[in-house]
Amino acid sequence: MSKIKQIIWDWNGTLLDDVGMCVNVMNVMLKSYSMPPISEDRYKQIFDFPVKEYYSRLGFDFNRHAFEKVGHEFMDYYFQELPNCLLFSDAKNILDHFKQLEIKQLILSAMEHEALEMSLKQKGIHSYFDKVQGIDNHLANGKKELARELLKSSGVSAQETLFIGDTVHDLQVAQSIGCQCILISRGHFSKERLLTNHN
């Protein structure tokens, strides 16, 4: 294993403790569509990327309701609640630890870029990151391509880079750029799903 010189962090479910909020927001939406609510355990079993597949698993019929409409409705609810959402209690200490070790820290998120920048500033951790990279849409598309660009611009090799995330998609993103990966099990995927794909 090469010496790690930089970490690429995922945001949602990795540093930001937003799983419960996502479930609550989705249940508000499901009620508005006269659909049954979802539990947090069930959410962690079916949430996925691309998120369109997750919405299908919830029961949304895209012949009746356009995915773009449903997806943007969820994000409208989500951003209303985001200011009240907290970091994981140990997030700042962990970021501080790697900063003291002089390990470069970047963040790559499926959150829209401007919203990500604002959220990091609101949570008081923007200064920990050498580079912040979100996506250009509200539908969680395009993370692999941005990972390649982020790694290239960092000037650090893939072998010296560690990706930390909470979903199998994060593992796939890490694999697509050839870097090491650690997945944490307190985010949007259940521990069992993560272990099935990565251990």
N, C-alpha and C. Protein backbone atom coordinates (compact mmCIF):
# COMPACT_ATOMS: atom_id res chain seq x y z
N MET A 1 0.85 -1.20 0.00
CA MET A 1 0.00 0.00 0.00
C MET A 1 0.89 1.25 0.00
N SER A 2 0.64 2.15 -0.92
CA SER A 2 1.42 3.39 -1.00
C SER A 2 1.07 4.31 0.16
N LYS A 3 1.99 5.16 0.51
CA LYS A 3 1.73 6.17 1.54
C LYS A 3 0.65 7.13 1.04
N ILE A 4 -0.36 7.36 1.87
CA ILE A 4 -1.46 8.23 1.46
C ILE A 4 -1.05 9.69 1.60
N LYS A 5 -1.18 10.41 0.50
CA LYS A 5 -0.86 11.84 0.50
C LYS A 5 -2.11 12.71 0.41
N GLN A 6 -3.23 12.11 -0.03
CA GLN A 6 -4.46 12.90 -0.08
C GLN A 6 -5.68 12.00 0.10
N ILE A 7 -6.72 12.60 0.62
CA ILE A 7 -8.00 11.92 0.81
C ILE A 7 -9.06 12.66 0.00
N ILE A 8 -9.85 11.90 -0.74
CA ILE A 8 -11.05 12.45 -1.38
C ILE A 8 -12.24 11.99 -0.55
N TRP A 9 -12.93 12.94 0.05
CA TRP A 9 -14.10 12.65 0.88
C TRP A 9 -15.38 12.73 0.06
N ASP A 10 -16.27 11.79 0.30
CA ASP A 10 -17.67 11.96 -0.08
C ASP A 10 -18.30 12.86 0.99
N TRP A 11 -19.47 13.39 0.73
CA TRP A 11 -20.10 14.34 1.65
C TRP A 11 -21.31 13.73 2.36
N ASN A 12 -22.38 13.48 1.62
CA ASN A 12 -23.63 13.00 2.21
C ASN A 12 -23.46 11.59 2.79
N GLY A 13 -23.74 11.45 4.06
CA GLY A 13 -23.66 10.14 4.70
C GLY A 13 -22.26 9.75 5.11
N THR A 14 -21.25 10.55 4.75
CA THR A 14 -19.87 10.27 5.12
C THR A 14 -19.39 11.27 6.16
N LEU A 15 -19.53 12.54 5.88
CA LEU A 15 -19.26 13.60 6.85
C LEU A 15 -20.56 14.22 7.36
N LEU A 16 -21.54 14.32 6.47
CA LEU A 16 -22.85 14.91 6.82
C LEU A 16 -23.82 13.80 7.21
N ASP A 17 -24.37 13.91 8.40
CA ASP A 17 -25.29 12.90 8.92
C ASP A 17 -26.71 13.21 8.46
N ASP A 18 -27.00 12.86 7.21
CA ASP A 18 -28.28 13.28 6.62
C ASP A 18 -29.22 12.14 6.25
N VAL A 19 -28.92 10.91 6.70
CA VAL A 19 -29.76 9.77 6.34
C VAL A 19 -31.17 9.92 6.90
N GLY A 20 -31.27 10.21 8.20
CA GLY A 20 -32.58 10.38 8.82
C GLY A 20 -33.38 11.48 8.16
N MET A 21 -32.71 12.57 7.83
CA MET A 21 -33.39 13.67 7.16
C MET A 21 -33.88 13.25 5.78
N CYS A 22 -33.08 12.49 5.04
CA CYS A 22 -33.49 12.03 3.72
C CYS A 22 -34.73 11.14 3.80
N VAL A 23 -34.76 10.29 4.82
CA VAL A 23 -35.93 9.42 5.00
C VAL A 23 -37.16 10.24 5.34
N ASN A 24 -37.03 11.20 6.25
CA ASN A 24 -38.16 12.05 6.63
C ASN A 24 -38.68 12.86 5.45
N VAL A 25 -37.76 13.43 4.68
CA VAL A 25 -38.15 14.23 3.51
C VAL A 25 -38.84 13.36 2.47
N MET A 26 -38.29 12.17 2.24
CA MET A 26 -38.92 11.28 1.27
C MET A 26 -40.31 10.86 1.73
N ASN A 27 -40.49 10.66 3.03
CA ASN A 27 -41.82 10.27 3.52
C ASN A 27 -42.84 11.39 3.35
N VAL A 28 -42.41 12.64 3.46
CA VAL A 28 -43.29 13.77 3.15
C VAL A 28 -43.72 13.70 1.69
N MET A 29 -42.75 13.42 0.82
CA MET A 29 -43.06 13.31 -0.61
C MET A 29 -43.96 12.13 -0.90
N LEU A 30 -43.64 10.98 -0.32
CA LEU A 30 -44.44 9.77 -0.58
C LEU A 30 -45.89 10.00 -0.15
N LYS A 31 -46.08 10.68 0.97
CA LYS A 31 -47.45 10.98 1.43
C LYS A 31 -48.17 11.86 0.42
N SER A 32 -47.45 12.83 -0.16
CA SER A 32 -48.08 13.73 -1.13
C SER A 32 -48.48 12.99 -2.41
N TYR A 33 -47.84 11.85 -2.68
CA TYR A 33 -48.18 11.02 -3.84
C TYR A 33 -49.06 9.83 -3.45
N SER A 34 -49.57 9.85 -2.23
CA SER A 34 -50.43 8.77 -1.71
C SER A 34 -49.74 7.42 -1.77
N MET A 35 -48.46 7.41 -1.41
CA MET A 35 -47.66 6.19 -1.39
C MET A 35 -47.24 5.88 0.04
N PRO A 36 -47.00 4.61 0.38
CA PRO A 36 -46.66 4.24 1.77
C PRO A 36 -45.29 4.77 2.18
N PRO A 37 -45.11 5.05 3.47
CA PRO A 37 -43.82 5.56 3.96
C PRO A 37 -42.74 4.48 3.93
N ILE A 38 -41.51 4.91 4.09
CA ILE A 38 -40.37 4.01 4.08
C ILE A 38 -39.63 4.13 5.42
N SER A 39 -39.13 3.02 5.93
CA SER A 39 -38.34 3.04 7.16
C SER A 39 -36.88 3.32 6.83
N GLU A 40 -36.09 3.68 7.84
CA GLU A 40 -34.67 3.93 7.60
C GLU A 40 -33.95 2.66 7.16
N ASP A 41 -34.32 1.53 7.77
CA ASP A 41 -33.69 0.26 7.38
C ASP A 41 -33.97 -0.07 5.92
N ARG A 42 -35.21 0.10 5.52
CA ARG A 42 -35.58 -0.17 4.11
C ARG A 42 -34.86 0.80 3.18
N TYR A 43 -34.78 2.05 3.58
CA TYR A 43 -34.07 3.06 2.78
C TYR A 43 -32.65 2.61 2.50
N LYS A 44 -31.94 2.13 3.54
CA LYS A 44 -30.55 1.73 3.37
C LYS A 44 -30.40 0.48 2.51
N GLN A 45 -31.48 -0.26 2.35
CA GLN A 45 -31.45 -1.43 1.49
C GLN A 45 -31.70 -1.09 0.01
N ILE A 46 -32.42 0.00 -0.26
CA ILE A 46 -32.80 0.27 -1.66
C ILE A 46 -32.22 1.55 -2.24
N PHE A 47 -31.69 2.45 -1.41
CA PHE A 47 -31.10 3.67 -1.97
C PHE A 47 -29.94 3.29 -2.88
N ASP A 48 -29.80 4.00 -4.02
CA ASP A 48 -28.76 3.63 -4.96
C ASP A 48 -28.49 4.75 -5.95
N PHE A 49 -27.43 4.57 -6.72
CA PHE A 49 -27.12 5.44 -7.86
C PHE A 49 -27.13 4.58 -9.11
N PRO A 50 -27.65 5.07 -10.21
CA PRO A 50 -28.30 6.37 -10.34
C PRO A 50 -29.58 6.42 -9.51
N VAL A 51 -29.89 7.60 -8.97
CA VAL A 51 -31.02 7.71 -8.04
C VAL A 51 -32.36 7.41 -8.71
N LYS A 52 -32.41 7.46 -10.01
CA LYS A 52 -33.66 7.12 -10.72
C LYS A 52 -34.09 5.69 -10.38
N GLU A 53 -33.11 4.79 -10.22
CA GLU A 53 -33.43 3.40 -9.86
C GLU A 53 -34.01 3.32 -8.44
N TYR A 54 -33.48 4.13 -7.56
CA TYR A 54 -34.00 4.19 -6.18
C TYR A 54 -35.45 4.65 -6.18
N TYR A 55 -35.76 5.68 -6.96
CA TYR A 55 -37.14 6.15 -7.03
C TYR A 55 -38.07 5.07 -7.59
N SER A 56 -37.58 4.30 -8.55
CA SER A 56 -38.38 3.20 -9.10
C SER A 56 -38.66 2.16 -8.02
N ARG A 57 -37.65 1.87 -7.21
CA ARG A 57 -37.83 0.89 -6.13
C ARG A 57 -38.83 1.38 -5.08
N LEU A 58 -38.93 2.69 -4.94
CA LEU A 58 -39.92 3.25 -4.02
C LEU A 58 -41.34 3.10 -4.56
N GLY A 59 -41.45 2.90 -5.88
CA GLY A 59 -42.76 2.72 -6.49
C GLY A 59 -43.19 3.82 -7.43
N PHE A 60 -42.32 4.80 -7.69
CA PHE A 60 -42.68 5.87 -8.62
C PHE A 60 -42.78 5.33 -10.05
N ASP A 61 -43.84 5.70 -10.72
CA ASP A 61 -44.09 5.30 -12.11
C ASP A 61 -43.76 6.49 -13.00
N PHE A 62 -42.66 6.39 -13.73
CA PHE A 62 -42.22 7.54 -14.55
C PHE A 62 -43.02 7.71 -15.83
N ASN A 63 -43.96 6.81 -16.06
CA ASN A 63 -44.94 7.05 -17.13
C ASN A 63 -46.01 8.03 -16.67
N ARG A 64 -46.17 8.12 -15.35
CA ARG A 64 -47.16 9.04 -14.78
C ARG A 64 -46.52 10.33 -14.25
N HIS A 65 -45.33 10.19 -13.68
CA HIS A 65 -44.65 11.34 -13.08
C HIS A 65 -43.21 11.37 -13.57
N ALA A 66 -42.82 12.42 -14.27
CA ALA A 66 -41.47 12.52 -14.82
C ALA A 66 -40.43 12.48 -13.69
N PHE A 67 -39.37 11.71 -13.90
CA PHE A 67 -38.31 11.60 -12.90
C PHE A 67 -37.74 12.97 -12.53
N GLU A 68 -37.52 13.82 -13.54
CA GLU A 68 -36.94 15.14 -13.27
C GLU A 68 -37.83 15.93 -12.31
N LYS A 69 -39.15 15.84 -12.51
CA LYS A 69 -40.08 16.56 -11.63
C LYS A 69 -40.00 16.01 -10.20
N VAL A 70 -40.06 14.70 -10.08
CA VAL A 70 -40.02 14.08 -8.76
C VAL A 70 -38.68 14.35 -8.07
N GLY A 71 -37.58 14.22 -8.83
CA GLY A 71 -36.25 14.45 -8.27
C GLY A 71 -36.07 15.87 -7.77
N HIS A 72 -36.55 16.85 -8.53
CA HIS A 72 -36.42 18.24 -8.11
C HIS A 72 -37.33 18.56 -6.93
N GLU A 73 -38.49 17.91 -6.85
CA GLU A 73 -39.36 18.10 -5.69
C GLU A 73 -38.65 17.64 -4.42
N PHE A 74 -38.00 16.47 -4.51
CA PHE A 74 -37.27 15.97 -3.34
C PHE A 74 -36.17 16.95 -2.93
N MET A 75 -35.42 17.44 -3.91
CA MET A 75 -34.32 18.35 -3.59
C MET A 75 -34.82 19.67 -3.00
N ASP A 76 -35.98 20.13 -3.43
CA ASP A 76 -36.56 21.34 -2.84
C ASP A 76 -36.83 21.13 -1.35
N TYR A 77 -37.45 19.97 -1.02
CA TYR A 77 -37.69 19.64 0.39
C TYR A 77 -36.36 19.48 1.13
N TYR A 78 -35.41 18.81 0.49
CA TYR A 78 -34.11 18.52 1.11
C TYR A 78 -33.39 19.81 1.50
N PHE A 79 -33.33 20.76 0.58
CA PHE A 79 -32.58 21.99 0.86
C PHE A 79 -33.28 22.86 1.91
N GLN A 80 -34.59 22.69 2.07
CA GLN A 80 -35.28 23.38 3.15
C GLN A 80 -34.78 22.88 4.51
N GLU A 81 -34.49 21.59 4.59
CA GLU A 81 -34.10 20.97 5.86
C GLU A 81 -32.59 20.95 6.08
N LEU A 82 -31.81 21.11 5.02
CA LEU A 82 -30.36 20.97 5.11
C LEU A 82 -29.71 21.84 6.19
N PRO A 83 -30.11 23.11 6.37
CA PRO A 83 -29.45 23.92 7.41
C PRO A 83 -29.54 23.32 8.82
N ASN A 84 -30.57 22.48 9.05
CA ASN A 84 -30.75 21.86 10.36
C ASN A 84 -30.01 20.54 10.51
N CYS A 85 -29.40 20.07 9.42
CA CYS A 85 -28.72 18.78 9.42
C CYS A 85 -27.30 18.95 9.95
N LEU A 86 -26.86 18.02 10.81
CA LEU A 86 -25.57 18.14 11.47
C LEU A 86 -24.51 17.26 10.82
N LEU A 87 -23.26 17.61 11.07
CA LEU A 87 -22.16 16.71 10.74
C LEU A 87 -22.18 15.53 11.72
N PHE A 88 -21.55 14.41 11.33
CA PHE A 88 -21.31 13.37 12.31
C PHE A 88 -20.46 13.96 13.43
N SER A 89 -20.68 13.51 14.65
CA SER A 89 -20.06 14.16 15.82
C SER A 89 -18.53 14.14 15.78
N ASP A 90 -17.95 13.15 15.09
CA ASP A 90 -16.49 13.06 15.05
C ASP A 90 -15.88 13.65 13.78
N ALA A 91 -16.70 14.22 12.90
CA ALA A 91 -16.22 14.66 11.60
C ALA A 91 -15.10 15.70 11.70
N LYS A 92 -15.30 16.73 12.51
CA LYS A 92 -14.29 17.78 12.60
C LYS A 92 -12.99 17.26 13.19
N ASN A 93 -13.08 16.38 14.18
CA ASN A 93 -11.88 15.82 14.78
C ASN A 93 -11.09 15.00 13.76
N ILE A 94 -11.79 14.26 12.93
CA ILE A 94 -11.12 13.44 11.91
C ILE A 94 -10.47 14.34 10.86
N LEU A 95 -11.19 15.37 10.41
CA LEU A 95 -10.61 16.30 9.45
C LEU A 95 -9.38 16.99 10.03
N ASP A 96 -9.47 17.34 11.31
CA ASP A 96 -8.36 17.98 12.01
C ASP A 96 -7.15 17.05 12.07
N HIS A 97 -7.40 15.79 12.34
CA HIS A 97 -6.33 14.79 12.45
C HIS A 97 -5.53 14.72 11.15
N PHE A 98 -6.24 14.61 10.03
CA PHE A 98 -5.54 14.51 8.75
C PHE A 98 -4.86 15.82 8.36
N LYS A 99 -5.45 16.93 8.78
CA LYS A 99 -4.82 18.23 8.53
C LYS A 99 -3.49 18.31 9.25
N GLN A 100 -3.45 17.86 10.50
CA GLN A 100 -2.22 17.89 11.28
C GLN A 100 -1.16 16.97 10.68
N LEU A 101 -1.59 15.91 10.03
CA LEU A 101 -0.66 15.00 9.36
C LEU A 101 -0.22 15.54 8.00
N GLU A 102 -0.76 16.71 7.63
CA GLU A 102 -0.46 17.37 6.35
C GLU A 102 -0.86 16.51 5.16
N ILE A 103 -1.97 15.80 5.32
CA ILE A 103 -2.55 15.04 4.22
C ILE A 103 -3.57 15.95 3.53
N LYS A 104 -3.43 16.09 2.24
CA LYS A 104 -4.31 16.94 1.46
C LYS A 104 -5.73 16.35 1.49
N GLN A 105 -6.74 17.22 1.64
CA GLN A 105 -8.12 16.75 1.70
C GLN A 105 -8.96 17.46 0.64
N LEU A 106 -9.67 16.65 -0.14
CA LEU A 106 -10.57 17.15 -1.18
C LEU A 106 -11.96 16.62 -0.87
N ILE A 107 -12.96 17.22 -1.46
CA ILE A 107 -14.32 16.69 -1.29
C ILE A 107 -15.01 16.61 -2.64
N LEU A 108 -15.65 15.46 -2.88
CA LEU A 108 -16.37 15.20 -4.13
C LEU A 108 -17.76 14.71 -3.76
N SER A 109 -18.77 15.43 -4.24
CA SER A 109 -20.12 15.11 -3.82
C SER A 109 -21.09 15.09 -4.99
N ALA A 110 -22.14 14.28 -4.84
CA ALA A 110 -23.24 14.27 -5.81
C ALA A 110 -24.22 15.40 -5.54
N MET A 111 -23.86 16.31 -4.63
CA MET A 111 -24.66 17.52 -4.41
C MET A 111 -24.26 18.58 -5.44
N GLU A 112 -25.20 19.39 -5.85
CA GLU A 112 -24.93 20.46 -6.80
C GLU A 112 -23.84 21.37 -6.22
N HIS A 113 -22.93 21.84 -7.08
CA HIS A 113 -21.68 22.45 -6.62
C HIS A 113 -21.90 23.68 -5.72
N GLU A 114 -22.71 24.63 -6.15
CA GLU A 114 -22.90 25.85 -5.35
C GLU A 114 -23.54 25.52 -4.00
N ALA A 115 -24.47 24.56 -4.02
CA ALA A 115 -25.12 24.16 -2.77
C ALA A 115 -24.11 23.49 -1.84
N LEU A 116 -23.20 22.72 -2.41
CA LEU A 116 -22.16 22.07 -1.62
C LEU A 116 -21.23 23.11 -0.99
N GLU A 117 -20.79 24.06 -1.77
CA GLU A 117 -19.92 25.12 -1.25
C GLU A 117 -20.59 25.83 -0.07
N MET A 118 -21.85 26.18 -0.25
CA MET A 118 -22.58 26.90 0.79
C MET A 118 -22.74 26.04 2.05
N SER A 119 -23.05 24.76 1.84
CA SER A 119 -23.27 23.87 2.97
C SER A 119 -21.99 23.68 3.78
N LEU A 120 -20.86 23.52 3.10
CA LEU A 120 -19.58 23.36 3.80
C LEU A 120 -19.24 24.59 4.62
N LYS A 121 -19.55 25.76 4.08
CA LYS A 121 -19.30 27.00 4.82
C LYS A 121 -20.22 27.10 6.02
N GLN A 122 -21.49 26.74 5.83
CA GLN A 122 -22.45 26.79 6.94
C GLN A 122 -22.05 25.85 8.08
N LYS A 123 -21.47 24.71 7.71
CA LYS A 123 -21.07 23.73 8.73
C LYS A 123 -19.69 24.04 9.32
N GLY A 124 -19.00 25.05 8.77
CA GLY A 124 -17.74 25.48 9.33
C GLY A 124 -16.55 24.61 9.01
N ILE A 125 -16.60 23.87 7.87
CA ILE A 125 -15.48 22.98 7.55
C ILE A 125 -14.91 23.23 6.15
N HIS A 126 -15.36 24.26 5.47
CA HIS A 126 -14.90 24.51 4.09
C HIS A 126 -13.37 24.65 4.03
N SER A 127 -12.78 25.24 5.05
CA SER A 127 -11.34 25.53 5.03
C SER A 127 -10.46 24.28 5.10
N TYR A 128 -11.03 23.15 5.45
CA TYR A 128 -10.24 21.92 5.52
C TYR A 128 -9.88 21.38 4.13
N PHE A 129 -10.60 21.82 3.12
CA PHE A 129 -10.48 21.18 1.81
C PHE A 129 -9.69 22.03 0.82
N ASP A 130 -8.71 21.37 0.19
CA ASP A 130 -7.92 22.04 -0.84
C ASP A 130 -8.75 22.29 -2.09
N LYS A 131 -9.71 21.41 -2.34
CA LYS A 131 -10.60 21.60 -3.47
C LYS A 131 -11.96 21.01 -3.15
N VAL A 132 -13.01 21.71 -3.58
CA VAL A 132 -14.39 21.28 -3.39
C VAL A 132 -15.00 21.06 -4.76
N GLN A 133 -15.61 19.88 -4.96
CA GLN A 133 -16.20 19.59 -6.27
C GLN A 133 -17.58 18.95 -6.12
N GLY A 134 -18.60 19.69 -6.54
CA GLY A 134 -19.94 19.14 -6.62
C GLY A 134 -20.29 18.94 -8.09
N ILE A 135 -21.53 18.56 -8.35
CA ILE A 135 -21.97 18.31 -9.71
C ILE A 135 -22.74 19.52 -10.24
N ASP A 136 -23.11 19.47 -11.52
CA ASP A 136 -23.76 20.63 -12.14
C ASP A 136 -25.27 20.44 -12.28
N ASN A 137 -25.84 19.47 -11.51
CA ASN A 137 -27.29 19.24 -11.58
C ASN A 137 -27.78 18.80 -10.21
N HIS A 138 -29.09 18.70 -10.06
CA HIS A 138 -29.69 18.30 -8.78
C HIS A 138 -30.16 16.84 -8.81
N LEU A 139 -29.67 16.05 -9.78
CA LEU A 139 -30.14 14.68 -9.93
C LEU A 139 -29.03 13.65 -9.69
N ALA A 140 -27.94 14.10 -9.07
CA ALA A 140 -26.85 13.21 -8.61
C ALA A 140 -26.15 12.47 -9.74
N ASN A 141 -26.00 13.10 -10.90
CA ASN A 141 -25.35 12.47 -12.05
C ASN A 141 -23.93 13.00 -12.26
N GLY A 142 -23.00 12.11 -12.68
CA GLY A 142 -21.72 12.58 -13.20
C GLY A 142 -20.54 12.53 -12.26
N LYS A 143 -20.58 11.72 -11.19
CA LYS A 143 -19.53 11.74 -10.18
C LYS A 143 -18.21 11.12 -10.68
N LYS A 144 -18.30 10.08 -11.50
CA LYS A 144 -17.07 9.41 -11.98
C LYS A 144 -16.22 10.36 -12.83
N GLU A 145 -16.86 11.07 -13.73
CA GLU A 145 -16.13 11.99 -14.60
C GLU A 145 -15.45 13.08 -13.79
N LEU A 146 -16.17 13.60 -12.79
CA LEU A 146 -15.60 14.65 -11.95
C LEU A 146 -14.45 14.12 -11.10
N ALA A 147 -14.52 12.86 -10.70
CA ALA A 147 -13.44 12.26 -9.92
C ALA A 147 -12.15 12.22 -10.73
N ARG A 148 -12.25 11.88 -11.99
CA ARG A 148 -11.07 11.84 -12.84
C ARG A 148 -10.45 13.23 -12.98
N GLU A 149 -11.31 14.23 -13.17
CA GLU A 149 -10.82 15.61 -13.30
C GLU A 149 -10.20 16.08 -11.98
N LEU A 150 -10.83 15.74 -10.88
CA LEU A 150 -10.35 16.16 -9.56
C LEU A 150 -8.99 15.55 -9.27
N LEU A 151 -8.84 14.26 -9.54
CA LEU A 151 -7.56 13.61 -9.31
C LEU A 151 -6.47 14.22 -10.18
N LYS A 152 -6.77 14.42 -11.44
CA LYS A 152 -5.78 14.98 -12.36
C LYS A 152 -5.33 16.37 -11.90
N SER A 153 -6.26 17.19 -11.48
CA SER A 153 -5.92 18.56 -11.07
C SER A 153 -5.20 18.61 -9.73
N SER A 154 -5.30 17.54 -8.95
CA SER A 154 -4.69 17.53 -7.61
C SER A 154 -3.17 17.41 -7.67
N GLY A 155 -2.67 16.79 -8.74
CA GLY A 155 -1.23 16.58 -8.84
C GLY A 155 -0.70 15.44 -8.00
N VAL A 156 -1.60 14.66 -7.39
CA VAL A 156 -1.23 13.50 -6.57
C VAL A 156 -1.67 12.24 -7.31
N SER A 157 -0.87 11.20 -7.26
CA SER A 157 -1.20 9.98 -7.99
C SER A 157 -2.37 9.23 -7.35
N ALA A 158 -3.02 8.40 -8.15
CA ALA A 158 -4.12 7.58 -7.64
C ALA A 158 -3.64 6.64 -6.54
N GLN A 159 -2.41 6.11 -6.68
CA GLN A 159 -1.86 5.17 -5.70
C GLN A 159 -1.63 5.84 -4.33
N GLU A 160 -1.54 7.16 -4.33
CA GLU A 160 -1.32 7.89 -3.08
C GLU A 160 -2.60 8.58 -2.58
N THR A 161 -3.73 8.18 -3.18
CA THR A 161 -5.02 8.79 -2.87
C THR A 161 -5.95 7.77 -2.24
N LEU A 162 -6.65 8.19 -1.20
CA LEU A 162 -7.66 7.36 -0.53
C LEU A 162 -9.02 8.02 -0.68
N PHE A 163 -10.01 7.25 -1.14
CA PHE A 163 -11.38 7.75 -1.26
C PHE A 163 -12.17 7.20 -0.07
N ILE A 164 -12.88 8.08 0.64
CA ILE A 164 -13.70 7.66 1.78
C ILE A 164 -15.16 8.01 1.47
N GLY A 165 -16.01 6.97 1.45
CA GLY A 165 -17.42 7.18 1.14
C GLY A 165 -18.31 6.22 1.91
N ASP A 166 -19.59 6.18 1.52
CA ASP A 166 -20.55 5.36 2.27
C ASP A 166 -21.45 4.51 1.38
N THR A 167 -21.18 4.48 0.06
CA THR A 167 -22.04 3.72 -0.85
C THR A 167 -21.18 2.89 -1.81
N VAL A 168 -21.80 1.90 -2.43
CA VAL A 168 -21.11 1.11 -3.44
C VAL A 168 -20.73 2.00 -4.62
N HIS A 169 -21.53 3.02 -4.88
CA HIS A 169 -21.18 3.96 -5.95
C HIS A 169 -19.86 4.65 -5.65
N ASP A 170 -19.61 4.98 -4.39
CA ASP A 170 -18.33 5.58 -4.02
C ASP A 170 -17.18 4.61 -4.31
N LEU A 171 -17.39 3.33 -4.03
CA LEU A 171 -16.39 2.32 -4.36
C LEU A 171 -16.14 2.29 -5.87
N GLN A 172 -17.21 2.35 -6.65
CA GLN A 172 -17.08 2.33 -8.11
C GLN A 172 -16.34 3.57 -8.61
N VAL A 173 -16.61 4.71 -7.99
CA VAL A 173 -15.90 5.94 -8.37
C VAL A 173 -14.42 5.79 -8.06
N ALA A 174 -14.10 5.27 -6.87
CA ALA A 174 -12.70 5.07 -6.49
C ALA A 174 -12.01 4.11 -7.45
N GLN A 175 -12.69 3.03 -7.78
CA GLN A 175 -12.11 2.05 -8.70
C GLN A 175 -11.90 2.65 -10.09
N SER A 176 -12.79 3.54 -10.49
CA SER A 176 -12.69 4.13 -11.84
C SER A 176 -11.46 5.02 -11.99
N ILE A 177 -10.93 5.52 -10.86
CA ILE A 177 -9.72 6.36 -10.92
C ILE A 177 -8.50 5.62 -10.35
N GLY A 178 -8.71 4.37 -9.91
CA GLY A 178 -7.59 3.55 -9.47
C GLY A 178 -7.05 3.84 -8.09
N CYS A 179 -7.87 4.42 -7.22
CA CYS A 179 -7.36 4.72 -5.88
C CYS A 179 -7.94 3.77 -4.84
N GLN A 180 -7.34 3.77 -3.66
CA GLN A 180 -7.81 2.95 -2.56
C GLN A 180 -9.13 3.52 -2.02
N CYS A 181 -9.89 2.67 -1.33
CA CYS A 181 -11.22 3.10 -0.87
C CYS A 181 -11.55 2.51 0.48
N ILE A 182 -12.11 3.34 1.34
CA ILE A 182 -12.70 2.91 2.60
C ILE A 182 -14.17 3.31 2.59
N LEU A 183 -15.04 2.36 2.93
CA LEU A 183 -16.47 2.65 3.02
C LEU A 183 -16.91 2.58 4.47
N ILE A 184 -17.68 3.57 4.90
CA ILE A 184 -18.21 3.58 6.27
C ILE A 184 -19.67 3.16 6.24
N SER A 185 -20.11 2.51 7.33
CA SER A 185 -21.43 1.87 7.31
C SER A 185 -22.50 2.63 8.09
N ARG A 186 -22.27 3.91 8.34
CA ARG A 186 -23.29 4.68 9.07
C ARG A 186 -24.03 5.65 8.14
N GLY A 187 -23.80 5.49 6.84
CA GLY A 187 -24.40 6.39 5.87
C GLY A 187 -25.60 5.80 5.17
N HIS A 188 -25.65 5.96 3.84
CA HIS A 188 -26.86 5.67 3.06
C HIS A 188 -27.02 4.20 2.64
N PHE A 189 -25.98 3.39 2.86
CA PHE A 189 -26.06 1.96 2.57
C PHE A 189 -25.93 1.17 3.86
N SER A 190 -26.62 0.04 3.95
CA SER A 190 -26.49 -0.82 5.11
C SER A 190 -25.11 -1.49 5.10
N LYS A 191 -24.65 -1.90 6.27
CA LYS A 191 -23.36 -2.58 6.39
C LYS A 191 -23.34 -3.84 5.54
N GLU A 192 -24.46 -4.56 5.51
CA GLU A 192 -24.53 -5.81 4.75
C GLU A 192 -24.33 -5.57 3.26
N ARG A 193 -24.94 -4.52 2.74
CA ARG A 193 -24.77 -4.20 1.31
C ARG A 193 -23.33 -3.84 1.00
N LEU A 194 -22.69 -3.10 1.89
CA LEU A 194 -21.30 -2.71 1.67
C LEU A 194 -20.38 -3.92 1.69
N LEU A 195 -20.59 -4.82 2.66
CA LEU A 195 -19.74 -6.01 2.78
C LEU A 195 -19.90 -6.96 1.62
N THR A 196 -21.07 -6.94 1.00
CA THR A 196 -21.30 -7.79 -0.17
C THR A 196 -20.41 -7.38 -1.33
N ASN A 197 -20.07 -6.08 -1.37
CA ASN A 197 -19.31 -5.55 -2.48
C ASN A 197 -17.86 -5.19 -2.15
N HIS A 198 -17.56 -5.04 -0.85
CA HIS A 198 -16.23 -4.53 -0.48
C HIS A 198 -15.95 -4.92 0.96
N ASN A 199 -14.75 -5.50 1.21
CA ASN A 199 -14.41 -5.82 2.60
C ASN A 199 -12.90 -5.65 2.80
